[in-house]
PDB file of N, CA and C in Angstrom:
ATOM      1  N   UNK A   1       4.143  13.793 -34.751  1.00  0.00           N
ATOM      2  CA  UNK A   1       3.874  12.237 -34.400  1.00  0.00           C
ATOM      3  C   UNK A   1       2.382  12.756 -33.404  1.00  0.00           C
ATOM      4  N   UNK A   2       1.495  11.997 -33.250  1.00  0.00           N
ATOM      5  CA  UNK A   2       0.209  12.235 -32.720  1.00  0.00           C
ATOM      6  C   UNK A   2      -0.108  10.764 -31.949  1.00  0.00           C
ATOM      7  N   UNK A   3      -0.447  10.538 -30.736  1.00  0.00           N
ATOM      8  CA  UNK A   3      -0.838   9.623 -30.087  1.00  0.00           C
ATOM      9  C   UNK A   3      -2.506   9.863 -29.652  1.00  0.00           C
ATOM     10  N   UNK A   4      -3.363   8.720 -29.802  1.00  0.00           N
ATOM     11  CA  UNK A   4      -4.675   8.607 -29.214  1.00  0.00           C
ATOM     12  C   UNK A   4      -5.134   7.743 -28.626  1.00  0.00           C
ATOM     13  N   UNK A   5      -5.602   7.977 -27.500  1.00  0.00           N
ATOM     14  CA  UNK A   5      -6.284   7.050 -26.526  1.00  0.00           C
ATOM     15  C   UNK A   5      -7.741   6.868 -26.726  1.00  0.00           C
ATOM     16  N   UNK A   6      -7.894   5.575 -26.518  1.00  0.00           N
ATOM     17  CA  UNK A   6      -9.360   5.596 -26.828  1.00  0.00           C
ATOM     18  C   UNK A   6     -10.059   4.376 -25.808  1.00  0.00           C
ATOM     19  N   UNK A   7     -11.087   4.567 -24.957  1.00  0.00           N
ATOM     20  CA  UNK A   7     -11.629   4.226 -23.769  1.00  0.00           C
ATOM     21  C   UNK A   7     -12.990   3.746 -23.879  1.00  0.00           C
ATOM     22  N   UNK A   8     -13.590   2.651 -23.496  1.00  0.00           N
ATOM     23  CA  UNK A   8     -14.926   2.482 -23.970  1.00  0.00           C
ATOM     24  C   UNK A   8     -15.493   2.450 -22.272  1.00  0.00           C
ATOM     25  N   UNK A   9     -16.414   3.686 -21.891  1.00  0.00           N
ATOM     26  CA  UNK A   9     -16.686   4.227 -21.270  1.00  0.00           C
ATOM     27  C   UNK A   9     -18.286   3.723 -20.635  1.00  0.00           C
ATOM     28  N   UNK A  10     -18.497   3.451 -19.843  1.00  0.00           N
ATOM     29  CA  UNK A  10     -18.076   3.205 -18.327  1.00  0.00           C
ATOM     30  C   UNK A  10     -17.204   1.942 -17.966  1.00  0.00           C
ATOM     31  N   UNK A  11     -16.973   0.966 -19.263  1.00  0.00           N
ATOM     32  CA  UNK A  11     -16.360  -0.334 -18.637  1.00  0.00           C
ATOM     33  C   UNK A  11     -14.744   0.211 -18.456  1.00  0.00           C
ATOM     34  N   UNK A  12     -14.358   0.922 -19.283  1.00  0.00           N
ATOM     35  CA  UNK A  12     -12.623   1.480 -18.745  1.00  0.00           C
ATOM     36  C   UNK A  12     -12.827   2.729 -18.351  1.00  0.00           C
ATOM     37  N   UNK A  13     -13.351   2.932 -17.169  1.00  0.00           N
ATOM     38  CA  UNK A  13     -13.228   4.196 -16.607  1.00  0.00           C
ATOM     39  C   UNK A  13     -12.179   4.127 -15.453  1.00  0.00           C
ATOM     40  N   UNK A  14     -11.872   3.149 -14.974  1.00  0.00           N
ATOM     41  CA  UNK A  14     -10.642   3.170 -14.216  1.00  0.00           C
ATOM     42  C   UNK A  14      -9.179   2.973 -14.968  1.00  0.00           C
ATOM     43  N   UNK A  15      -9.064   2.589 -16.358  1.00  0.00           N
ATOM     44  CA  UNK A  15      -7.912   2.641 -17.453  1.00  0.00           C
ATOM     45  C   UNK A  15      -7.707   4.310 -17.885  1.00  0.00           C
ATOM     46  N   UNK A  16      -9.437   4.845 -17.875  1.00  0.00           N
ATOM     47  CA  UNK A  16      -8.868   6.448 -18.502  1.00  0.00           C
ATOM     48  C   UNK A  16      -8.676   7.348 -17.704  1.00  0.00           C
ATOM     49  N   UNK A  17      -8.839   7.127 -16.147  1.00  0.00           N
ATOM     50  CA  UNK A  17      -8.563   7.816 -14.967  1.00  0.00           C
ATOM     51  C   UNK A  17      -7.093   7.878 -14.765  1.00  0.00           C
ATOM     52  N   UNK A  18      -6.205   6.365 -14.894  1.00  0.00           N
ATOM     53  CA  UNK A  18      -5.187   6.419 -14.831  1.00  0.00           C
ATOM     54  C   UNK A  18      -4.515   7.053 -15.860  1.00  0.00           C
ATOM     55  N   UNK A  19      -4.891   6.827 -17.474  1.00  0.00           N
ATOM     56  CA  UNK A  19      -4.095   7.395 -18.291  1.00  0.00           C
ATOM     57  C   UNK A  19      -4.374   9.061 -18.296  1.00  0.00           C
ATOM     58  N   UNK A  20      -5.436   9.470 -17.833  1.00  0.00           N
ATOM     59  CA  UNK A  20      -5.669  11.075 -17.424  1.00  0.00           C
ATOM     60  C   UNK A  20      -4.718  11.464 -16.582  1.00  0.00           C
ATOM     61  N   UNK A  21      -4.824  10.913 -15.284  1.00  0.00           N
ATOM     62  CA  UNK A  21      -3.864  11.451 -14.028  1.00  0.00           C
ATOM     63  C   UNK A  21      -2.676  11.024 -14.113  1.00  0.00           C
ATOM     64  N   UNK A  22      -1.895  10.465 -15.073  1.00  0.00           N
ATOM     65  CA  UNK A  22      -0.614   9.759 -14.797  1.00  0.00           C
ATOM     66  C   UNK A  22       0.488  10.946 -14.536  1.00  0.00           C
ATOM     67  N   UNK A  23       0.117  12.214 -15.639  1.00  0.00           N
ATOM     68  CA  UNK A  23       1.339  13.432 -15.246  1.00  0.00           C
ATOM     69  C   UNK A  23       1.313  13.852 -14.028  1.00  0.00           C
ATOM     70  N   UNK A  24       0.103  13.927 -13.167  1.00  0.00           N
ATOM     71  CA  UNK A  24      -0.293  14.346 -11.996  1.00  0.00           C
ATOM     72  C   UNK A  24       0.576  13.255 -11.000  1.00  0.00           C
ATOM     73  N   UNK A  25       0.435  12.345 -11.099  1.00  0.00           N
ATOM     74  CA  UNK A  25       0.963  11.295 -10.413  1.00  0.00           C
ATOM     75  C   UNK A  25       2.371  11.043 -10.538  1.00  0.00           C
ATOM     76  N   UNK A  26       2.961  10.995 -11.540  1.00  0.00           N
ATOM     77  CA  UNK A  26       4.225  11.235 -11.861  1.00  0.00           C
ATOM     78  C   UNK A  26       5.069  12.665 -11.227  1.00  0.00           C
ATOM     79  N   UNK A  27       4.247  13.723 -11.283  1.00  0.00           N
ATOM     80  CA  UNK A  27       4.565  14.953 -10.561  1.00  0.00           C
ATOM     81  C   UNK A  27       4.796  14.759  -9.228  1.00  0.00           C
ATOM     82  N   UNK A  28       3.569  13.759  -8.417  1.00  0.00           N
ATOM     83  CA  UNK A  28       3.604  13.502  -7.139  1.00  0.00           C
ATOM     84  C   UNK A  28       4.662  12.842  -6.590  1.00  0.00           C
ATOM     85  N   UNK A  29       4.891  11.763  -7.164  1.00  0.00           N
ATOM     86  CA  UNK A  29       6.268  10.951  -6.830  1.00  0.00           C
ATOM     87  C   UNK A  29       7.464  11.732  -6.866  1.00  0.00           C
ATOM     88  N   UNK A  30       7.664  12.915  -7.740  1.00  0.00           N
ATOM     89  CA  UNK A  30       8.938  13.327  -7.998  1.00  0.00           C
ATOM     90  C   UNK A  30       9.045  14.226  -6.746  1.00  0.00           C
ATOM     91  N   UNK A  31       7.417  14.802  -6.278  1.00  0.00           N
ATOM     92  CA  UNK A  31       7.616  15.791  -4.886  1.00  0.00           C
ATOM     93  C   UNK A  31       8.420  14.844  -3.794  1.00  0.00           C
ATOM     94  N   UNK A  32       7.677  13.778  -3.786  1.00  0.00           N
ATOM     95  CA  UNK A  32       8.029  12.972  -2.396  1.00  0.00           C
ATOM     96  C   UNK A  32       9.014  12.456  -2.528  1.00  0.00           C
ATOM     97  N   UNK A  33       9.742  12.354  -3.440  1.00  0.00           N
ATOM     98  CA  UNK A  33      11.131  11.726  -3.410  1.00  0.00           C
ATOM     99  C   UNK A  33      11.981  13.142  -3.108  1.00  0.00           C
ATOM    100  N   UNK A  34      11.817  14.257  -3.283  1.00  0.00           N
ATOM    101  CA  UNK A  34      12.953  15.208  -2.906  1.00  0.00           C
ATOM    102  C   UNK A  34      12.544  15.333  -1.571  1.00  0.00           C
ATOM    103  N   UNK A  35      11.394  15.285  -1.288  1.00  0.00           N
ATOM    104  CA  UNK A  35      10.859  15.482   0.052  1.00  0.00           C
ATOM    105  C   UNK A  35      11.882  14.738   0.959  1.00  0.00           C
ATOM    106  N   UNK A  36      11.271  13.424   0.576  1.00  0.00           N
ATOM    107  CA  UNK A  36      12.372  12.266   1.235  1.00  0.00           C
ATOM    108  C   UNK A  36      13.934  12.343   1.252  1.00  0.00           C
ATOM    109  N   UNK A  37      14.644  13.004  -0.081  1.00  0.00           N
ATOM    110  CA  UNK A  37      16.141  13.449  -0.100  1.00  0.00           C
ATOM    111  C   UNK A  37      16.415  14.419   1.334  1.00  0.00           C
ATOM    112  N   UNK A  38      15.217  15.457   1.313  1.00  0.00           N
ATOM    113  CA  UNK A  38      15.439  16.651   2.374  1.00  0.00           C
ATOM    114  C   UNK A  38      15.308  16.111   3.866  1.00  0.00           C
ATOM    115  N   UNK A  39      14.399  15.082   3.751  1.00  0.00           N
ATOM    116  CA  UNK A  39      14.857  14.498   5.173  1.00  0.00           C
ATOM    117  C   UNK A  39      15.660  13.587   5.557  1.00  0.00           C
ATOM    118  N   UNK A  40      15.937  12.527   5.016  1.00  0.00           N
ATOM    119  CA  UNK A  40      17.167  12.142   4.899  1.00  0.00           C
ATOM    120  C   UNK A  40      18.718  13.279   5.290  1.00  0.00           C
ATOM    121  N   UNK A  41      18.674  14.155   4.541  1.00  0.00           N
ATOM    122  CA  UNK A  41      19.580  15.373   4.282  1.00  0.00           C
ATOM    123  C   UNK A  41      19.558  15.507   5.886  1.00  0.00           C
ATOM    124  N   UNK A  42      18.585  15.735   6.711  1.00  0.00           N
ATOM    125  CA  UNK A  42      18.423  16.282   7.998  1.00  0.00           C
ATOM    126  C   UNK A  42      19.079  16.070   9.201  1.00  0.00           C
ATOM    127  N   UNK A  43      19.165  16.375  10.053  1.00  0.00           N
ATOM    128  CA  UNK A  43      19.713  16.262  11.236  1.00  0.00           C
ATOM    129  C   UNK A  43      19.293  15.337  12.279  1.00  0.00           C
ATOM    130  N   UNK A  44      18.137  15.058  12.299  1.00  0.00           N
ATOM    131  CA  UNK A  44      17.054  14.485  13.011  1.00  0.00           C
ATOM    132  C   UNK A  44      16.198  13.164  12.028  1.00  0.00           C
ATOM    133  N   UNK A  45      16.232  12.027  12.612  1.00  0.00           N
ATOM    134  CA  UNK A  45      15.437  10.915  11.348  1.00  0.00           C
ATOM    135  C   UNK A  45      14.137  11.077  11.554  1.00  0.00           C
ATOM    136  N   UNK A  46      13.597  11.197  10.629  1.00  0.00           N
ATOM    137  CA  UNK A  46      11.723  11.174  11.028  1.00  0.00           C
ATOM    138  C   UNK A  46      11.145  10.004  11.014  1.00  0.00           C
ATOM    139  N   UNK A  47      10.443   9.709  11.912  1.00  0.00           N
ATOM    140  CA  UNK A  47       9.618   8.434  11.796  1.00  0.00           C
ATOM    141  C   UNK A  47       8.424   8.185  10.743  1.00  0.00           C
ATOM    142  N   UNK A  48       8.213   6.630  10.667  1.00  0.00           N
ATOM    143  CA  UNK A  48       7.366   6.244   9.598  1.00  0.00           C
ATOM    144  C   UNK A  48       5.975   7.642   9.502  1.00  0.00           C
ATOM    145  N   UNK A  49       5.808   7.762  11.036  1.00  0.00           N
ATOM    146  CA  UNK A  49       4.309   8.629  10.382  1.00  0.00           C
ATOM    147  C   UNK A  49       4.448  10.094   9.995  1.00  0.00           C
ATOM    148  N   UNK A  50       5.826  10.601  10.281  1.00  0.00           N
ATOM    149  CA  UNK A  50       6.225  11.924   9.589  1.00  0.00           C
ATOM    150  C   UNK A  50       6.327  11.888   8.412  1.00  0.00           C
ATOM    151  N   UNK A  51       6.716  10.799   7.973  1.00  0.00           N
ATOM    152  CA  UNK A  51       7.287  10.718   6.297  1.00  0.00           C
ATOM    153  C   UNK A  51       5.344  10.335   5.589  1.00  0.00           C
ATOM    154  N   UNK A  52       4.728   9.239   6.306  1.00  0.00           N
ATOM    155  CA  UNK A  52       3.299   9.435   5.792  1.00  0.00           C
ATOM    156  C   UNK A  52       2.575  10.630   5.875  1.00  0.00           C
ATOM    157  N   UNK A  53       2.991  11.152   6.950  1.00  0.00           N
ATOM    158  CA  UNK A  53       1.996  12.373   6.427  1.00  0.00           C
ATOM    159  C   UNK A  53       2.473  13.416   5.637  1.00  0.00           C
ATOM    160  N   UNK A  54       3.493  13.682   5.416  1.00  0.00           N
ATOM    161  CA  UNK A  54       4.357  14.197   4.270  1.00  0.00           C
ATOM    162  C   UNK A  54       3.576  13.751   2.678  1.00  0.00           C
ATOM    163  N   UNK A  55       3.718  12.251   2.578  1.00  0.00           N
ATOM    164  CA  UNK A  55       3.222  11.857   1.559  1.00  0.00           C
ATOM    165  C   UNK A  55       1.424  12.284   1.107  1.00  0.00           C
ATOM    166  N   UNK A  56       0.848  11.863   2.304  1.00  0.00           N
ATOM    167  CA  UNK A  56      -0.262  12.007   2.111  1.00  0.00           C
ATOM    168  C   UNK A  56      -0.597  13.582   1.720  1.00  0.00           C
ATOM    169  N   UNK A  57      -0.075  14.254   2.345  1.00  0.00           N
ATOM    170  CA  UNK A  57      -0.699  16.206   1.928  1.00  0.00           C
ATOM    171  C   UNK A  57       0.243  16.104   0.414  1.00  0.00           C
ATOM    172  N   UNK A  58       1.543  15.710  -0.145  1.00  0.00           N
ATOM    173  CA  UNK A  58       1.683  16.054  -1.001  1.00  0.00           C
ATOM    174  C   UNK A  58      -0.107  15.299  -2.258  1.00  0.00           C
ATOM    175  N   UNK A  59      -0.362  14.384  -2.034  1.00  0.00           N
ATOM    176  CA  UNK A  59      -1.142  13.512  -2.788  1.00  0.00           C
ATOM    177  C   UNK A  59      -2.636  14.483  -2.271  1.00  0.00           C
ATOM    178  N   UNK A  60      -3.155  15.053  -0.946  1.00  0.00           N
ATOM    179  CA  UNK A  60      -4.003  15.728  -1.267  1.00  0.00           C
ATOM    180  C   UNK A  60      -4.018  17.128  -1.854  1.00  0.00           C
ATOM    181  N   UNK A  61      -2.814  17.564  -1.638  1.00  0.00           N
ATOM    182  CA  UNK A  61      -2.758  18.932  -2.920  1.00  0.00           C
ATOM    183  C   UNK A  61      -3.160  18.845  -3.971  1.00  0.00           C
ATOM    184  N   UNK A  62      -2.811  17.282  -4.737  1.00  0.00           N
ATOM    185  CA  UNK A  62      -3.069  17.513  -5.955  1.00  0.00           C
ATOM    186  C   UNK A  62      -4.219  16.249  -6.136  1.00  0.00           C
ATOM    187  N   UNK A  63      -5.089  16.373  -5.272  1.00  0.00           N
ATOM    188  CA  UNK A  63      -5.881  15.738  -5.144  1.00  0.00           C
ATOM    189  C   UNK A  63      -6.072  14.636  -5.904  1.00  0.00           C
ATOM    190  N   UNK A  64      -4.888  13.789  -5.520  1.00  0.00           N
ATOM    191  CA  UNK A  64      -4.964  12.045  -5.709  1.00  0.00           C
ATOM    192  C   UNK A  64      -5.023  11.264  -4.710  1.00  0.00           C
ATOM    193  N   UNK A  65      -6.256  10.410  -4.887  1.00  0.00           N
ATOM    194  CA  UNK A  65      -6.554   9.463  -4.093  1.00  0.00           C
ATOM    195  C   UNK A  65      -5.993   7.608  -4.403  1.00  0.00           C
ATOM    196  N   UNK A  66      -4.923   7.287  -4.042  1.00  0.00           N
ATOM    197  CA  UNK A  66      -4.739   6.035  -4.183  1.00  0.00           C
ATOM    198  C   UNK A  66      -5.884   4.774  -4.311  1.00  0.00           C
ATOM    199  N   UNK A  67      -6.734   4.970  -3.361  1.00  0.00           N
ATOM    200  CA  UNK A  67      -7.702   4.130  -3.075  1.00  0.00           C
ATOM    201  C   UNK A  67      -9.128   4.307  -3.846  1.00  0.00           C
ATOM    202  N   UNK A  68      -9.029   5.408  -5.111  1.00  0.00           N
ATOM    203  CA  UNK A  68     -10.325   5.413  -5.779  1.00  0.00           C
ATOM    204  C   UNK A  68     -10.198   4.972  -7.371  1.00  0.00           C
ATOM    205  N   UNK A  69     -10.713   4.047  -7.258  1.00  0.00           N
ATOM    206  CA  UNK A  69     -10.059   3.374  -8.465  1.00  0.00           C
ATOM    207  C   UNK A  69     -10.574   4.406  -9.762  1.00  0.00           C
TER     208      UNK A  69
END
């Protein structure tokens, strides 16, 4: 089975970027969920700032920016 995605560039640049980076986003979400599970299992409760820093570190490592269309 084959699937071919087609985009009219540059009009559909945002859609193309979403489709081409989808696997990277999925992996980032899985990594974030793992980090959250580890934080929950710890002895101390992290604050929102600590969680935000971890999330942004994961996104930055994968060169992902949710604000970049």
